[in-house]
Amino acid sequence: MVRRMDGYLTSEDLATRLGVKRESVYRMRTRGDLPEPDDTIGRTPVWKTDTITTWEADRPGQGWRKGKTREPS
């Protein structure tokens, strides 16, 4: 069991925040679609809330794919 720390998010917390399954967070991390964890508690990666807030603001919108560019309008 991971002790909750104020200002930090576990993979489970991140899944809840993003509205996805925890397994999706693991896949996103493996693909490099998430920022690197800010710390590790035992074997559990954790992210600072501020790190995720910044990442969400800079994150591409839905439907974006790596290697695909939009054609000019």
PDB file of N, CA and C in Angstrom:
ATOM      1  N   MET A   1       0.841  -1.191   0.000  1.00  0.00           N
ATOM      2  CA  MET A   1       0.000   0.000   0.000  1.00  0.00           C
ATOM      3  C   MET A   1       0.882   1.249   0.000  1.00  0.00           C
ATOM      4  N   VAL A   2       0.517   2.203  -0.796  1.00  0.00           N
ATOM      5  CA  VAL A   2       1.289   3.444  -0.901  1.00  0.00           C
ATOM      6  C   VAL A   2       0.694   4.484   0.031  1.00  0.00           C
ATOM      7  N   ARG A   3       1.549   5.107   0.818  1.00  0.00           N
ATOM      8  CA  ARG A   3       1.093   6.191   1.685  1.00  0.00           C
ATOM      9  C   ARG A   3       0.850   7.419   0.815  1.00  0.00           C
ATOM     10  N   ARG A   4      -0.312   8.011   0.931  1.00  0.00           N
ATOM     11  CA  ARG A   4      -0.643   9.198   0.132  1.00  0.00           C
ATOM     12  C   ARG A   4       0.180  10.386   0.602  1.00  0.00           C
ATOM     13  N   MET A   5       0.708  11.111  -0.347  1.00  0.00           N
ATOM     14  CA  MET A   5       1.471  12.310  -0.046  1.00  0.00           C
ATOM     15  C   MET A   5       0.784  13.478  -0.739  1.00  0.00           C
ATOM     16  N   ASP A   6       0.535  14.515   0.013  1.00  0.00           N
ATOM     17  CA  ASP A   6      -0.088  15.696  -0.577  1.00  0.00           C
ATOM     18  C   ASP A   6       0.783  16.238  -1.702  1.00  0.00           C
ATOM     19  N   GLY A   7       0.133  16.586  -2.800  1.00  0.00           N
ATOM     20  CA  GLY A   7       0.844  17.169  -3.926  1.00  0.00           C
ATOM     21  C   GLY A   7       1.425  16.158  -4.891  1.00  0.00           C
ATOM     22  N   TYR A   8       1.226  14.859  -4.630  1.00  0.00           N
ATOM     23  CA  TYR A   8       1.736  13.811  -5.511  1.00  0.00           C
ATOM     24  C   TYR A   8       0.603  12.921  -5.989  1.00  0.00           C
ATOM     25  N   LEU A   9       0.749  12.387  -7.192  1.00  0.00           N
ATOM     26  CA  LEU A   9      -0.250  11.495  -7.783  1.00  0.00           C
ATOM     27  C   LEU A   9       0.386  10.154  -8.119  1.00  0.00           C
ATOM     28  N   THR A  10      -0.307   9.067  -7.775  1.00  0.00           N
ATOM     29  CA  THR A  10       0.117   7.729  -8.181  1.00  0.00           C
ATOM     30  C   THR A  10      -0.482   7.435  -9.554  1.00  0.00           C
ATOM     31  N   SER A  11      -0.137   6.292 -10.118  1.00  0.00           N
ATOM     32  CA  SER A  11      -0.727   5.885 -11.400  1.00  0.00           C
ATOM     33  C   SER A  11      -2.241   5.781 -11.285  1.00  0.00           C
ATOM     34  N   GLU A  12      -2.712   5.272 -10.155  1.00  0.00           N
ATOM     35  CA  GLU A  12      -4.156   5.155  -9.940  1.00  0.00           C
ATOM     36  C   GLU A  12      -4.817   6.530  -9.877  1.00  0.00           C
ATOM     37  N   ASP A  13      -4.186   7.463  -9.158  1.00  0.00           N
ATOM     38  CA  ASP A  13      -4.704   8.835  -9.087  1.00  0.00           C
ATOM     39  C   ASP A  13      -4.730   9.472 -10.473  1.00  0.00           C
ATOM     40  N   LEU A  14      -3.669   9.240 -11.222  1.00  0.00           N
ATOM     41  CA  LEU A  14      -3.557   9.812 -12.563  1.00  0.00           C
ATOM     42  C   LEU A  14      -4.631   9.246 -13.485  1.00  0.00           C
ATOM     43  N   ALA A  15      -4.889   7.944 -13.374  1.00  0.00           N
ATOM     44  CA  ALA A  15      -5.945   7.317 -14.181  1.00  0.00           C
ATOM     45  C   ALA A  15      -7.296   7.954 -13.879  1.00  0.00           C
ATOM     46  N   THR A  16      -7.579   8.159 -12.603  1.00  0.00           N
ATOM     47  CA  THR A  16      -8.841   8.794 -12.212  1.00  0.00           C
ATOM     48  C   THR A  16      -8.923  10.206 -12.777  1.00  0.00           C
ATOM     49  N   ARG A  17      -7.846  10.945 -12.664  1.00  0.00           N
ATOM     50  CA  ARG A  17      -7.823  12.331 -13.153  1.00  0.00           C
ATOM     51  C   ARG A  17      -8.027  12.407 -14.663  1.00  0.00           C
ATOM     52  N   LEU A  18      -7.434  11.446 -15.398  1.00  0.00           N
ATOM     53  CA  LEU A  18      -7.534  11.447 -16.860  1.00  0.00           C
ATOM     54  C   LEU A  18      -8.784  10.740 -17.375  1.00  0.00           C
ATOM     55  N   GLY A  19      -9.489  10.030 -16.492  1.00  0.00           N
ATOM     56  CA  GLY A  19     -10.693   9.310 -16.912  1.00  0.00           C
ATOM     57  C   GLY A  19     -10.384   8.067 -17.724  1.00  0.00           C
ATOM     58  N   VAL A  20      -9.260   7.412 -17.400  1.00  0.00           N
ATOM     59  CA  VAL A  20      -8.863   6.192 -18.103  1.00  0.00           C
ATOM     60  C   VAL A  20      -8.592   5.094 -17.076  1.00  0.00           C
ATOM     61  N   LYS A  21      -8.390   3.872 -17.573  1.00  0.00           N
ATOM     62  CA  LYS A  21      -8.033   2.768 -16.685  1.00  0.00           C
ATOM     63  C   LYS A  21      -6.565   2.891 -16.285  1.00  0.00           C
ATOM     64  N   ARG A  22      -6.239   2.302 -15.141  1.00  0.00           N
ATOM     65  CA  ARG A  22      -4.856   2.336 -14.669  1.00  0.00           C
ATOM     66  C   ARG A  22      -3.910   1.704 -15.694  1.00  0.00           C
ATOM     67  N   GLU A  23      -4.379   0.658 -16.368  1.00  0.00           N
ATOM     68  CA  GLU A  23      -3.562  -0.002 -17.387  1.00  0.00           C
ATOM     69  C   GLU A  23      -3.213   0.962 -18.525  1.00  0.00           C
ATOM     70  N   SER A  24      -4.129   1.868 -18.827  1.00  0.00           N
ATOM     71  CA  SER A  24      -3.864   2.867 -19.874  1.00  0.00           C
ATOM     72  C   SER A  24      -2.734   3.799 -19.453  1.00  0.00           C
ATOM     73  N   VAL A  25      -2.693   4.140 -18.178  1.00  0.00           N
ATOM     74  CA  VAL A  25      -1.604   4.983 -17.670  1.00  0.00           C
ATOM     75  C   VAL A  25      -0.278   4.246 -17.828  1.00  0.00           C
ATOM     76  N   TYR A  26      -0.255   2.947 -17.524  1.00  0.00           N
ATOM     77  CA  TYR A  26       0.968   2.160 -17.697  1.00  0.00           C
ATOM     78  C   TYR A  26       1.412   2.164 -19.158  1.00  0.00           C
ATOM     79  N   ARG A  27       0.452   1.982 -20.079  1.00  0.00           N
ATOM     80  CA  ARG A  27       0.790   1.992 -21.510  1.00  0.00           C
ATOM     81  C   ARG A  27       1.301   3.364 -21.944  1.00  0.00           C
ATOM     82  N   MET A  28       0.644   4.414 -21.468  1.00  0.00           N
ATOM     83  CA  MET A  28       1.074   5.770 -21.815  1.00  0.00           C
ATOM     84  C   MET A  28       2.509   6.010 -21.341  1.00  0.00           C
ATOM     85  N   ARG A  29       2.809   5.524 -20.151  1.00  0.00           N
ATOM     86  CA  ARG A  29       4.158   5.699 -19.609  1.00  0.00           C
ATOM     87  C   ARG A  29       5.174   4.923 -20.440  1.00  0.00           C
ATOM     88  N   THR A  30       4.839   3.686 -20.805  1.00  0.00           N
ATOM     89  CA  THR A  30       5.732   2.850 -21.612  1.00  0.00           C
ATOM     90  C   THR A  30       6.015   3.490 -22.968  1.00  0.00           C
ATOM     91  N   ARG A  31       4.986   4.103 -23.572  1.00  0.00           N
ATOM     92  CA  ARG A  31       5.135   4.740 -24.891  1.00  0.00           C
ATOM     93  C   ARG A  31       5.829   6.099 -24.814  1.00  0.00           C
ATOM     94  N   GLY A  32       6.024   6.606 -23.609  1.00  0.00           N
ATOM     95  CA  GLY A  32       6.645   7.916 -23.464  1.00  0.00           C
ATOM     96  C   GLY A  32       5.660   9.055 -23.606  1.00  0.00           C
ATOM     97  N   ASP A  33       4.359   8.754 -23.440  1.00  0.00           N
ATOM     98  CA  ASP A  33       3.329   9.782 -23.579  1.00  0.00           C
ATOM     99  C   ASP A  33       3.077  10.551 -22.283  1.00  0.00           C
ATOM    100  N   LEU A  34       3.715  10.152 -21.196  1.00  0.00           N
ATOM    101  CA  LEU A  34       3.596  10.846 -19.910  1.00  0.00           C
ATOM    102  C   LEU A  34       4.952  11.434 -19.541  1.00  0.00           C
ATOM    103  N   PRO A  35       4.946  12.481 -18.725  1.00  0.00           N
ATOM    104  CA  PRO A  35       6.242  12.967 -18.238  1.00  0.00           C
ATOM    105  C   PRO A  35       6.871  11.910 -17.324  1.00  0.00           C
ATOM    106  N   GLU A  36       8.174  11.971 -17.175  1.00  0.00           N
ATOM    107  CA  GLU A  36       8.857  11.064 -16.254  1.00  0.00           C
ATOM    108  C   GLU A  36       8.339  11.322 -14.838  1.00  0.00           C
ATOM    109  N   PRO A  37       8.205  10.273 -14.032  1.00  0.00           N
ATOM    110  CA  PRO A  37       7.765  10.472 -12.640  1.00  0.00           C
ATOM    111  C   PRO A  37       8.746  11.393 -11.906  1.00  0.00           C
ATOM    112  N   ASP A  38       8.218  12.177 -10.980  1.00  0.00           N
ATOM    113  CA  ASP A  38       9.063  13.073 -10.195  1.00  0.00           C
ATOM    114  C   ASP A  38       9.804  12.336  -9.089  1.00  0.00           C
ATOM    115  N   ASP A  39       9.266  11.200  -8.671  1.00  0.00           N
ATOM    116  CA  ASP A  39       9.882  10.440  -7.588  1.00  0.00           C
ATOM    117  C   ASP A  39       9.337   9.019  -7.628  1.00  0.00           C
ATOM    118  N   THR A  40       9.914   8.163  -6.819  1.00  0.00           N
ATOM    119  CA  THR A  40       9.433   6.793  -6.679  1.00  0.00           C
ATOM    120  C   THR A  40       9.352   6.486  -5.196  1.00  0.00           C
ATOM    121  N   ILE A  41       8.222   5.954  -4.774  1.00  0.00           N
ATOM    122  CA  ILE A  41       8.040   5.546  -3.384  1.00  0.00           C
ATOM    123  C   ILE A  41       8.002   4.028  -3.396  1.00  0.00           C
ATOM    124  N   GLY A  42       9.037   3.404  -2.877  1.00  0.00           N
ATOM    125  CA  GLY A  42       9.155   1.954  -3.014  1.00  0.00           C
ATOM    126  C   GLY A  42       9.352   1.653  -4.487  1.00  0.00           C
ATOM    127  N   ARG A  43       8.378   0.965  -5.074  1.00  0.00           N
ATOM    128  CA  ARG A  43       8.417   0.695  -6.521  1.00  0.00           C
ATOM    129  C   ARG A  43       7.336   1.476  -7.264  1.00  0.00           C
ATOM    130  N   THR A  44       6.693   2.398  -6.566  1.00  0.00           N
ATOM    131  CA  THR A  44       5.567   3.136  -7.140  1.00  0.00           C
ATOM    132  C   THR A  44       6.004   4.501  -7.663  1.00  0.00           C
ATOM    133  N   PRO A  45       5.855   4.742  -8.978  1.00  0.00           N
ATOM    134  CA  PRO A  45       6.180   6.069  -9.510  1.00  0.00           C
ATOM    135  C   PRO A  45       5.114   7.073  -9.080  1.00  0.00           C
ATOM    136  N   VAL A  46       5.550   8.290  -8.771  1.00  0.00           N
ATOM    137  CA  VAL A  46       4.614   9.358  -8.409  1.00  0.00           C
ATOM    138  C   VAL A  46       4.992  10.625  -9.161  1.00  0.00           C
ATOM    139  N   TRP A  47       3.975  11.412  -9.457  1.00  0.00           N
ATOM    140  CA  TRP A  47       4.153  12.676 -10.158  1.00  0.00           C
ATOM    141  C   TRP A  47       3.653  13.805  -9.274  1.00  0.00           C
ATOM    142  N   LYS A  48       4.345  14.938  -9.318  1.00  0.00           N
ATOM    143  CA  LYS A  48       3.844  16.127  -8.627  1.00  0.00           C
ATOM    144  C   LYS A  48       2.601  16.596  -9.366  1.00  0.00           C
ATOM    145  N   THR A  49       1.640  17.067  -8.613  1.00  0.00           N
ATOM    146  CA  THR A  49       0.408  17.574  -9.217  1.00  0.00           C
ATOM    147  C   THR A  49       0.726  18.677 -10.221  1.00  0.00           C
ATOM    148  N   ASP A  50       1.671  19.543  -9.890  1.00  0.00           N
ATOM    149  CA  ASP A  50       2.053  20.636 -10.798  1.00  0.00           C
ATOM    150  C   ASP A  50       2.630  20.108 -12.111  1.00  0.00           C
ATOM    151  N   THR A  51       3.385  19.020 -12.053  1.00  0.00           N
ATOM    152  CA  THR A  51       3.952  18.417 -13.263  1.00  0.00           C
ATOM    153  C   THR A  51       2.841  17.966 -14.198  1.00  0.00           C
ATOM    154  N   ILE A  52       1.821  17.316 -13.643  1.00  0.00           N
ATOM    155  CA  ILE A  52       0.717  16.808 -14.458  1.00  0.00           C
ATOM    156  C   ILE A  52      -0.144  17.955 -14.973  1.00  0.00           C
ATOM    157  N   THR A  53      -0.349  18.978 -14.161  1.00  0.00           N
ATOM    158  CA  THR A  53      -1.128  20.138 -14.603  1.00  0.00           C
ATOM    159  C   THR A  53      -0.453  20.803 -15.800  1.00  0.00           C
ATOM    160  N   THR A  54       0.867  20.975 -15.744  1.00  0.00           N
ATOM    161  CA  THR A  54       1.622  21.558 -16.856  1.00  0.00           C
ATOM    162  C   THR A  54       1.561  20.656 -18.078  1.00  0.00           C
ATOM    163  N   TRP A  55       1.737  19.354 -17.878  1.00  0.00           N
ATOM    164  CA  TRP A  55       1.682  18.389 -18.982  1.00  0.00           C
ATOM    165  C   TRP A  55       0.311  18.418 -19.655  1.00  0.00           C
ATOM    166  N   GLU A  56      -0.758  18.479 -18.865  1.00  0.00           N
ATOM    167  CA  GLU A  56      -2.111  18.522 -19.439  1.00  0.00           C
ATOM    168  C   GLU A  56      -2.305  19.765 -20.301  1.00  0.00           C
ATOM    169  N   ALA A  57      -1.767  20.890 -19.860  1.00  0.00           N
ATOM    170  CA  ALA A  57      -1.916  22.137 -20.617  1.00  0.00           C
ATOM    171  C   ALA A  57      -1.166  22.082 -21.948  1.00  0.00           C
ATOM    172  N   ASP A  58      -0.045  21.354 -21.979  1.00  0.00           N
ATOM    173  CA  ASP A  58       0.783  21.268 -23.186  1.00  0.00           C
ATOM    174  C   ASP A  58       0.462  20.059 -24.051  1.00  0.00           C
ATOM    175  N   ARG A  59      -0.417  19.212 -23.589  1.00  0.00           N
ATOM    176  CA  ARG A  59      -0.728  17.945 -24.250  1.00  0.00           C
ATOM    177  C   ARG A  59      -1.513  18.175 -25.541  1.00  0.00           C
ATOM    178  N   PRO A  60      -1.172  17.436 -26.614  1.00  0.00           N
ATOM    179  CA  PRO A  60      -1.937  17.563 -27.860  1.00  0.00           C
ATOM    180  C   PRO A  60      -3.393  17.158 -27.651  1.00  0.00           C
ATOM    181  N   GLY A  61      -4.274  17.690 -28.454  1.00  0.00           N
ATOM    182  CA  GLY A  61      -5.699  17.388 -28.329  1.00  0.00           C
ATOM    183  C   GLY A  61      -6.061  15.989 -28.777  1.00  0.00           C
ATOM    184  N   GLN A  62      -7.290  15.615 -28.548  1.00  0.00           N
ATOM    185  CA  GLN A  62      -7.793  14.298 -28.925  1.00  0.00           C
ATOM    186  C   GLN A  62      -7.679  14.111 -30.435  1.00  0.00           C
ATOM    187  N   GLY A  63      -7.296  12.922 -30.847  1.00  0.00           N
ATOM    188  CA  GLY A  63      -7.167  12.627 -32.265  1.00  0.00           C
ATOM    189  C   GLY A  63      -5.775  12.853 -32.818  1.00  0.00           C
ATOM    190  N   TRP A  64      -4.902  13.461 -32.030  1.00  0.00           N
ATOM    191  CA  TRP A  64      -3.532  13.693 -32.459  1.00  0.00           C
ATOM    192  C   TRP A  64      -2.773  12.380 -32.447  1.00  0.00           C
ATOM    193  N   ARG A  65      -1.928  12.172 -33.465  1.00  0.00           N
ATOM    194  CA  ARG A  65      -1.082  10.975 -33.507  1.00  0.00           C
ATOM    195  C   ARG A  65       0.342  11.385 -33.821  1.00  0.00           C
ATOM    196  N   LYS A  66       1.286  10.661 -33.222  1.00  0.00           N
ATOM    197  CA  LYS A  66       2.698  10.920 -33.519  1.00  0.00           C
ATOM    198  C   LYS A  66       2.943  10.697 -35.001  1.00  0.00           C
ATOM    199  N   GLY A  67       3.727  11.564 -35.595  1.00  0.00           N
ATOM    200  CA  GLY A  67       4.090  11.396 -36.992  1.00  0.00           C
ATOM    201  C   GLY A  67       3.052  11.910 -37.973  1.00  0.00           C
ATOM    202  N   LYS A  68       1.915  12.343 -37.498  1.00  0.00           N
ATOM    203  CA  LYS A  68       0.871  12.844 -38.394  1.00  0.00           C
ATOM    204  C   LYS A  68       0.782  14.350 -38.209  1.00  0.00           C
ATOM    205  N   THR A  69       0.865  15.067 -39.307  1.00  0.00           N
ATOM    206  CA  THR A  69       0.772  16.519 -39.237  1.00  0.00           C
ATOM    207  C   THR A  69      -0.530  16.968 -39.874  1.00  0.00           C
ATOM    208  N   ARG A  70      -0.994  18.085 -39.417  1.00  0.00           N
ATOM    209  CA  ARG A  70      -2.212  18.653 -40.002  1.00  0.00           C
ATOM    210  C   ARG A  70      -1.863  19.367 -41.290  1.00  0.00           C
ATOM    211  N   GLU A  71      -2.761  19.244 -42.240  1.00  0.00           N
ATOM    212  CA  GLU A  71      -2.574  19.978 -43.484  1.00  0.00           C
ATOM    213  C   GLU A  71      -3.078  21.394 -43.278  1.00  0.00           C
ATOM    214  N   PRO A  72      -2.390  22.365 -43.869  1.00  0.00           N
ATOM    215  CA  PRO A  72      -2.827  23.759 -43.719  1.00  0.00           C
ATOM    216  C   PRO A  72      -4.241  23.947 -44.260  1.00  0.00           C
ATOM    217  N   SER A  73      -4.990  24.792 -43.602  1.00  0.00           N
ATOM    218  CA  SER A  73      -6.377  25.069 -44.037  1.00  0.00           C
ATOM    219  C   SER A  73      -6.401  26.019 -45.200  1.00  0.00           C
TER     220      SER A  73
END
